[in-house]
Amino acid sequence: MGKLTNFKRSLWVFHASGGSCNACDIEIVAVLTPRYDAERFGIKLVGSPRHADVLLVTGAIPRDFADKLRRIYEQMPDPKAVVVIGNCGTTGGVFYDSYNIAGPIDEVIPVDVYVPGCPPRPEAIIDGIVKAWLKIEKLEKELEGKKE
């Protein structure tokens, strides 16, 4: 795992749930409970994508939710990262090849980190968010380099 060096504030995360069974959503909530307490690492769940650095997406994406997910992604300020939680979002899971599924999430929006599992453990989710954090640090350094 890389070292966090340049990001000088908390990482704000927005959670979007597609057509999931809520198992991944429950594990995301577990990350925020006192046992794992992700806020002590500076990872904070926010209620608006306009304030978020990272987008957590769970579930296979139904066709009617695909445009909404694109709009959520476009509302996020740059630099940003997308983390897919669970097998359904990664490959379509048991819903793969279903008539109502728009496909895995990477066919709807660009994805930076995959956290596989059904559902993934909270430790894996925290690790995926840290990987997204490292990507955002790298993008922020590139943006600072372009300004100078």
C-alpha atoms as a PDB file:
ATOM      1  CA  MET A   1       0.000   0.000   0.000  1.00  0.00           C
ATOM      2  CA  GLY A   2       1.243   3.464  -0.862  1.00  0.00           C
ATOM      3  CA  LYS A   3       1.844   6.298   1.554  1.00  0.00           C
ATOM      4  CA  LEU A   4      -0.608   9.165   1.834  1.00  0.00           C
ATOM      5  CA  THR A   5       1.456  12.336   1.644  1.00  0.00           C
ATOM      6  CA  ASN A   6      -0.114  15.229  -0.198  1.00  0.00           C
ATOM      7  CA  PHE A   7      -3.849  15.136   0.521  1.00  0.00           C
ATOM      8  CA  LYS A   8      -4.278  17.665   3.306  1.00  0.00           C
ATOM      9  CA  ARG A   9      -7.891  17.132   4.275  1.00  0.00           C
ATOM     10  CA  SER A  10     -10.494  14.469   4.924  1.00  0.00           C
ATOM     11  CA  LEU A  11     -11.723  12.299   2.079  1.00  0.00           C
ATOM     12  CA  TRP A  12     -15.427  12.751   1.498  1.00  0.00           C
ATOM     13  CA  VAL A  13     -17.336   9.798   0.098  1.00  0.00           C
ATOM     14  CA  PHE A  14     -20.760   9.630  -1.550  1.00  0.00           C
ATOM     15  CA  HIS A  15     -22.589   6.297  -1.731  1.00  0.00           C
ATOM     16  CA  ALA A  16     -24.875   5.422  -4.677  1.00  0.00           C
ATOM     17  CA  SER A  17     -26.753   2.157  -4.571  1.00  0.00           C
ATOM     18  CA  GLY A  18     -27.950   0.687  -7.882  1.00  0.00           C
ATOM     19  CA  GLY A  19     -29.862  -2.562  -7.910  1.00  0.00           C
ATOM     20  CA  SER A  20     -28.064  -4.190  -5.040  1.00  0.00           C
ATOM     21  CA  CYS A  21     -29.465  -6.639  -2.485  1.00  0.00           C
ATOM     22  CA  ASN A  22     -28.176  -4.259   0.239  1.00  0.00           C
ATOM     23  CA  ALA A  23     -25.519  -6.670   1.520  1.00  0.00           C
ATOM     24  CA  CYS A  24     -22.759  -4.370   0.232  1.00  0.00           C
ATOM     25  CA  ASP A  25     -24.641  -1.350   1.600  1.00  0.00           C
ATOM     26  CA  ILE A  26     -24.739  -2.950   5.057  1.00  0.00           C
ATOM     27  CA  GLU A  27     -20.977  -3.551   4.904  1.00  0.00           C
ATOM     28  CA  ILE A  28     -20.426   0.110   3.979  1.00  0.00           C
ATOM     29  CA  VAL A  29     -22.452   1.080   7.057  1.00  0.00           C
ATOM     30  CA  ALA A  30     -20.287  -1.319   9.095  1.00  0.00           C
ATOM     31  CA  VAL A  31     -17.220   0.653   7.956  1.00  0.00           C
ATOM     32  CA  LEU A  32     -18.715   3.723   9.641  1.00  0.00           C
ATOM     33  CA  THR A  33     -19.693   2.020  12.918  1.00  0.00           C
ATOM     34  CA  PRO A  34     -17.462   2.231  16.032  1.00  0.00           C
ATOM     35  CA  ARG A  35     -15.802  -1.127  15.304  1.00  0.00           C
ATOM     36  CA  TYR A  36     -14.065   0.141  12.137  1.00  0.00           C
ATOM     37  CA  ASP A  37     -14.692   3.891  12.588  1.00  0.00           C
ATOM     38  CA  ALA A  38     -13.473   5.087   9.179  1.00  0.00           C
ATOM     39  CA  GLU A  39     -13.905   8.711  10.241  1.00  0.00           C
ATOM     40  CA  ARG A  40     -10.798   8.397  12.419  1.00  0.00           C
ATOM     41  CA  PHE A  41      -8.879   7.970   9.156  1.00  0.00           C
ATOM     42  CA  GLY A  42     -10.578  11.037   7.692  1.00  0.00           C
ATOM     43  CA  ILE A  43     -13.060   9.075   5.554  1.00  0.00           C
ATOM     44  CA  LYS A  44     -16.439  10.768   5.873  1.00  0.00           C
ATOM     45  CA  LEU A  45     -19.745   9.871   4.201  1.00  0.00           C
ATOM     46  CA  VAL A  46     -21.491  12.932   2.719  1.00  0.00           C
ATOM     47  CA  GLY A  47     -25.040  13.445   1.467  1.00  0.00           C
ATOM     48  CA  SER A  48     -24.281  15.186  -1.832  1.00  0.00           C
ATOM     49  CA  PRO A  49     -22.039  14.200  -4.761  1.00  0.00           C
ATOM     50  CA  ARG A  50     -21.160  17.896  -5.139  1.00  0.00           C
ATOM     51  CA  HIS A  51     -19.118  17.637  -1.934  1.00  0.00           C
ATOM     52  CA  ALA A  52     -17.596  14.202  -2.577  1.00  0.00           C
ATOM     53  CA  ASP A  53     -14.118  13.123  -3.648  1.00  0.00           C
ATOM     54  CA  VAL A  54     -14.985   9.433  -4.002  1.00  0.00           C
ATOM     55  CA  LEU A  55     -18.105   7.751  -5.348  1.00  0.00           C
ATOM     56  CA  LEU A  56     -18.922   4.328  -3.862  1.00  0.00           C
ATOM     57  CA  VAL A  57     -21.264   2.352  -6.112  1.00  0.00           C
ATOM     58  CA  THR A  58     -22.959  -0.921  -5.226  1.00  0.00           C
ATOM     59  CA  GLY A  59     -25.117  -3.324  -7.206  1.00  0.00           C
ATOM     60  CA  ALA A  60     -25.729  -4.095 -10.833  1.00  0.00           C
ATOM     61  CA  ILE A  61     -27.032  -0.968 -12.548  1.00  0.00           C
ATOM     62  CA  PRO A  62     -30.595  -1.149 -13.918  1.00  0.00           C
ATOM     63  CA  ARG A  63     -31.153   0.637 -17.246  1.00  0.00           C
ATOM     64  CA  ASP A  64     -33.370   3.313 -15.668  1.00  0.00           C
ATOM     65  CA  PHE A  65     -30.647   4.136 -13.097  1.00  0.00           C
ATOM     66  CA  ALA A  66     -27.744   4.403 -15.591  1.00  0.00           C
ATOM     67  CA  ASP A  67     -28.476   8.045 -16.558  1.00  0.00           C
ATOM     68  CA  LYS A  68     -28.912   8.998 -12.908  1.00  0.00           C
ATOM     69  CA  LEU A  69     -25.543   7.437 -12.083  1.00  0.00           C
ATOM     70  CA  ARG A  70     -23.893   9.385 -14.927  1.00  0.00           C
ATOM     71  CA  ARG A  71     -25.411  12.624 -13.583  1.00  0.00           C
ATOM     72  CA  ILE A  72     -24.182  11.818 -10.057  1.00  0.00           C
ATOM     73  CA  TYR A  73     -20.670  11.232 -11.469  1.00  0.00           C
ATOM     74  CA  GLU A  74     -20.730  14.480 -13.462  1.00  0.00           C
ATOM     75  CA  GLN A  75     -21.767  16.496 -10.380  1.00  0.00           C
ATOM     76  CA  MET A  76     -18.610  15.499  -8.503  1.00  0.00           C
ATOM     77  CA  PRO A  77     -15.733  18.014  -8.619  1.00  0.00           C
ATOM     78  CA  ASP A  78     -12.330  16.998 -10.070  1.00  0.00           C
ATOM     79  CA  PRO A  79     -10.182  15.206  -9.019  1.00  0.00           C
ATOM     80  CA  LYS A  80     -12.492  12.315  -8.245  1.00  0.00           C
ATOM     81  CA  ALA A  81     -12.443   8.528  -8.046  1.00  0.00           C
ATOM     82  CA  VAL A  82     -15.025   5.774  -8.354  1.00  0.00           C
ATOM     83  CA  VAL A  83     -14.940   2.635  -6.210  1.00  0.00           C
ATOM     84  CA  VAL A  84     -17.171  -0.314  -7.097  1.00  0.00           C
ATOM     85  CA  ILE A  85     -18.174  -2.399  -4.101  1.00  0.00           C
ATOM     86  CA  GLY A  86     -19.140  -6.053  -4.637  1.00  0.00           C
ATOM     87  CA  ASN A  87     -19.408  -8.586  -7.412  1.00  0.00           C
ATOM     88  CA  CYS A  88     -22.700  -7.279  -8.851  1.00  0.00           C
ATOM     89  CA  GLY A  89     -21.186  -3.906  -9.695  1.00  0.00           C
ATOM     90  CA  THR A  90     -17.943  -5.437 -10.911  1.00  0.00           C
ATOM     91  CA  THR A  91     -19.323  -8.065 -13.304  1.00  0.00           C
ATOM     92  CA  GLY A  92     -23.105  -7.961 -13.037  1.00  0.00           C
ATOM     93  CA  GLY A  93     -23.002 -10.893 -10.623  1.00  0.00           C
ATOM     94  CA  VAL A  94     -26.102 -13.080 -10.700  1.00  0.00           C
ATOM     95  CA  PHE A  95     -27.842 -10.412 -12.799  1.00  0.00           C
ATOM     96  CA  TYR A  96     -25.307 -10.678 -15.643  1.00  0.00           C
ATOM     97  CA  ASP A  97     -26.999 -10.808 -19.050  1.00  0.00           C
ATOM     98  CA  SER A  98     -30.351  -9.767 -17.555  1.00  0.00           C
ATOM     99  CA  TYR A  99     -32.582  -7.726 -19.887  1.00  0.00           C
ATOM    100  CA  ASN A 100     -32.944  -4.864 -17.400  1.00  0.00           C
ATOM    101  CA  ILE A 101     -29.271  -4.420 -16.450  1.00  0.00           C
ATOM    102  CA  ALA A 102     -27.185  -1.728 -18.173  1.00  0.00           C
ATOM    103  CA  GLY A 103     -24.088  -3.847 -17.549  1.00  0.00           C
ATOM    104  CA  PRO A 104     -21.262  -3.674 -15.054  1.00  0.00           C
ATOM    105  CA  ILE A 105     -20.672  -0.189 -13.670  1.00  0.00           C
ATOM    106  CA  ASP A 106     -17.575   0.379 -15.842  1.00  0.00           C
ATOM    107  CA  GLU A 107     -19.876   0.347 -18.885  1.00  0.00           C
ATOM    108  CA  VAL A 108     -21.762   3.332 -17.405  1.00  0.00           C
ATOM    109  CA  ILE A 109     -19.026   5.458 -15.745  1.00  0.00           C
ATOM    110  CA  PRO A 110     -15.216   5.127 -15.458  1.00  0.00           C
ATOM    111  CA  VAL A 111     -14.136   2.997 -12.492  1.00  0.00           C
ATOM    112  CA  ASP A 112     -10.840   3.393 -10.613  1.00  0.00           C
ATOM    113  CA  VAL A 113     -10.970   0.701  -7.925  1.00  0.00           C
ATOM    114  CA  TYR A 114     -12.802  -2.633  -7.709  1.00  0.00           C
ATOM    115  CA  VAL A 115     -13.561  -4.232  -4.326  1.00  0.00           C
ATOM    116  CA  PRO A 116     -14.743  -7.766  -5.145  1.00  0.00           C
ATOM    117  CA  GLY A 117     -16.768  -9.953  -2.805  1.00  0.00           C
ATOM    118  CA  CYS A 118     -20.339 -10.860  -2.058  1.00  0.00           C
ATOM    119  CA  PRO A 119     -20.378  -8.831   0.103  1.00  0.00           C
ATOM    120  CA  PRO A 120     -16.796  -7.641   0.624  1.00  0.00           C
ATOM    121  CA  ARG A 121     -15.533  -7.319   4.178  1.00  0.00           C
ATOM    122  CA  PRO A 122     -15.263  -3.847   5.743  1.00  0.00           C
ATOM    123  CA  GLU A 123     -11.447  -4.108   5.739  1.00  0.00           C
ATOM    124  CA  ALA A 124     -11.521  -4.614   1.952  1.00  0.00           C
ATOM    125  CA  ILE A 125     -13.811  -1.602   1.538  1.00  0.00           C
ATOM    126  CA  ILE A 126     -11.455   0.592   3.604  1.00  0.00           C
ATOM    127  CA  ASP A 127      -8.515  -0.687   1.508  1.00  0.00           C
ATOM    128  CA  GLY A 128     -10.394   0.202  -1.702  1.00  0.00           C
ATOM    129  CA  ILE A 129     -11.101   3.709  -0.432  1.00  0.00           C
ATOM    130  CA  VAL A 130      -7.429   4.187   0.456  1.00  0.00           C
ATOM    131  CA  LYS A 131      -6.474   3.117  -3.093  1.00  0.00           C
ATOM    132  CA  ALA A 132      -8.908   5.726  -4.428  1.00  0.00           C
ATOM    133  CA  TRP A 133      -7.357   8.254  -2.031  1.00  0.00           C
ATOM    134  CA  LEU A 134      -3.900   7.539  -3.513  1.00  0.00           C
ATOM    135  CA  LYS A 135      -5.292   8.033  -7.025  1.00  0.00           C
ATOM    136  CA  ILE A 136      -6.824  11.375  -6.054  1.00  0.00           C
ATOM    137  CA  GLU A 137      -3.507  12.474  -4.519  1.00  0.00           C
ATOM    138  CA  LYS A 138      -1.758  11.612  -7.781  1.00  0.00           C
ATOM    139  CA  LEU A 139      -4.358  13.498  -9.847  1.00  0.00           C
ATOM    140  CA  GLU A 140      -4.121  16.521  -7.523  1.00  0.00           C
ATOM    141  CA  LYS A 141      -0.322  16.616  -7.941  1.00  0.00           C
ATOM    142  CA  GLU A 142      -0.774  16.522 -11.733  1.00  0.00           C
ATOM    143  CA  LEU A 143      -3.296  19.395 -11.556  1.00  0.00           C
ATOM    144  CA  GLU A 144      -0.876  21.446  -9.398  1.00  0.00           C
ATOM    145  CA  GLY A 145       1.899  20.742 -11.930  1.00  0.00           C
ATOM    146  CA  LYS A 146      -0.251  22.075 -14.779  1.00  0.00           C
ATOM    147  CA  LYS A 147      -1.011  25.296 -12.855  1.00  0.00           C
ATOM    148  CA  GLU A 148       2.694  26.105 -12.373  1.00  0.00           C
END
